[in-house]
Amino acid sequence: METPLYEHRLIASWAEIVPSKYLSYTKDLFIKNQCLYVKVTSAVAKNELFLHKKELVAMLNAKVGYHTITDICFT
């Protein structure tokens, strides 16, 4: 029962972790099989976020306090 709560907290933390210049390009976040799926509407933003994927995963999990995701898939 705790997993959906952690997933909700992680998605809510996205806006706090990701640099504000990329937030307007990201939407439709959801978690499936420990992967955070994020729709990115800008190729430049997608590339920049991809380069920092490992750091984002670590920061998001740390923010939630639980190992919720193992990867981020940018679509």
Protein backbone atom coordinates (compact mmCIF):
# COMPACT_ATOMS: atom_id res chain seq x y z
CA MET A 1 0.00 0.00 0.00
CA GLU A 2 2.91 2.40 0.55
CA THR A 3 4.22 2.18 -3.02
CA PRO A 4 1.45 4.32 -4.60
CA LEU A 5 2.06 6.96 -1.94
CA TYR A 6 5.79 7.05 -2.72
CA GLU A 7 5.04 7.21 -6.44
CA HIS A 8 2.67 10.12 -5.91
CA ARG A 9 5.25 11.96 -3.79
CA LEU A 10 7.96 11.35 -6.38
CA ILE A 11 5.85 12.75 -9.22
CA ALA A 12 4.94 15.74 -7.06
CA SER A 13 8.66 16.29 -6.35
CA TRP A 14 9.48 16.57 -10.06
CA ALA A 15 8.81 20.32 -10.06
CA GLU A 16 11.13 20.81 -7.09
CA ILE A 17 14.04 18.79 -8.51
CA VAL A 18 14.08 19.65 -12.21
CA PRO A 19 15.49 23.05 -13.20
CA SER A 20 12.65 25.49 -13.85
CA LYS A 21 13.77 26.17 -17.42
CA TYR A 22 12.77 22.58 -18.35
CA LEU A 23 9.50 22.30 -16.43
CA SER A 24 7.36 23.90 -19.12
CA TYR A 25 8.55 21.22 -21.57
CA THR A 26 7.64 18.24 -19.36
CA LYS A 27 4.20 16.74 -18.78
CA ASP A 28 2.23 13.49 -18.45
CA LEU A 29 4.42 11.94 -15.76
CA PHE A 30 3.64 8.42 -14.61
CA ILE A 31 5.49 5.47 -13.12
CA LYS A 32 5.40 1.95 -14.49
CA ASN A 33 7.73 -0.90 -13.49
CA GLN A 34 9.96 1.44 -11.47
CA CYS A 35 10.49 3.71 -14.49
CA LEU A 36 9.33 7.32 -14.46
CA TYR A 37 7.91 8.19 -17.87
CA VAL A 38 8.07 11.86 -18.80
CA LYS A 39 6.77 13.38 -22.02
CA VAL A 40 9.17 16.11 -23.16
CA THR A 41 8.00 18.51 -25.87
CA SER A 42 11.42 19.94 -26.73
CA ALA A 43 14.29 17.96 -28.24
CA VAL A 44 16.83 20.24 -26.57
CA ALA A 45 15.21 19.83 -23.16
CA LYS A 46 14.95 16.06 -23.68
CA ASN A 47 18.67 15.85 -24.45
CA GLU A 48 19.65 17.97 -21.44
CA LEU A 49 17.45 15.95 -19.09
CA PHE A 50 18.78 12.69 -20.55
CA LEU A 51 22.35 13.80 -19.79
CA HIS A 52 21.40 14.25 -16.12
CA LYS A 53 19.18 11.19 -15.81
CA LYS A 54 21.23 9.38 -13.14
CA GLU A 55 21.40 12.48 -10.98
CA LEU A 56 17.66 13.07 -11.37
CA VAL A 57 16.85 9.49 -10.34
CA ALA A 58 19.06 9.81 -7.26
CA MET A 59 17.65 13.21 -6.26
CA LEU A 60 14.02 12.13 -6.75
CA ASN A 61 14.48 8.95 -4.71
CA ALA A 62 16.29 10.91 -2.01
CA LYS A 63 13.51 13.49 -1.89
CA VAL A 64 10.91 10.74 -1.38
CA GLY A 65 13.11 8.80 1.03
CA TYR A 66 12.49 5.51 -0.72
CA HIS A 67 13.96 3.72 -3.76
CA THR A 68 10.87 4.27 -5.92
CA ILE A 69 12.34 4.41 -9.43
CA THR A 70 15.40 2.94 -11.14
CA ASP A 71 15.18 4.82 -14.44
CA ILE A 72 13.58 7.73 -16.27
CA CYS A 73 12.22 7.25 -19.79
CA PHE A 74 11.84 10.46 -21.77
CA THR A 75 9.26 10.21 -24.54
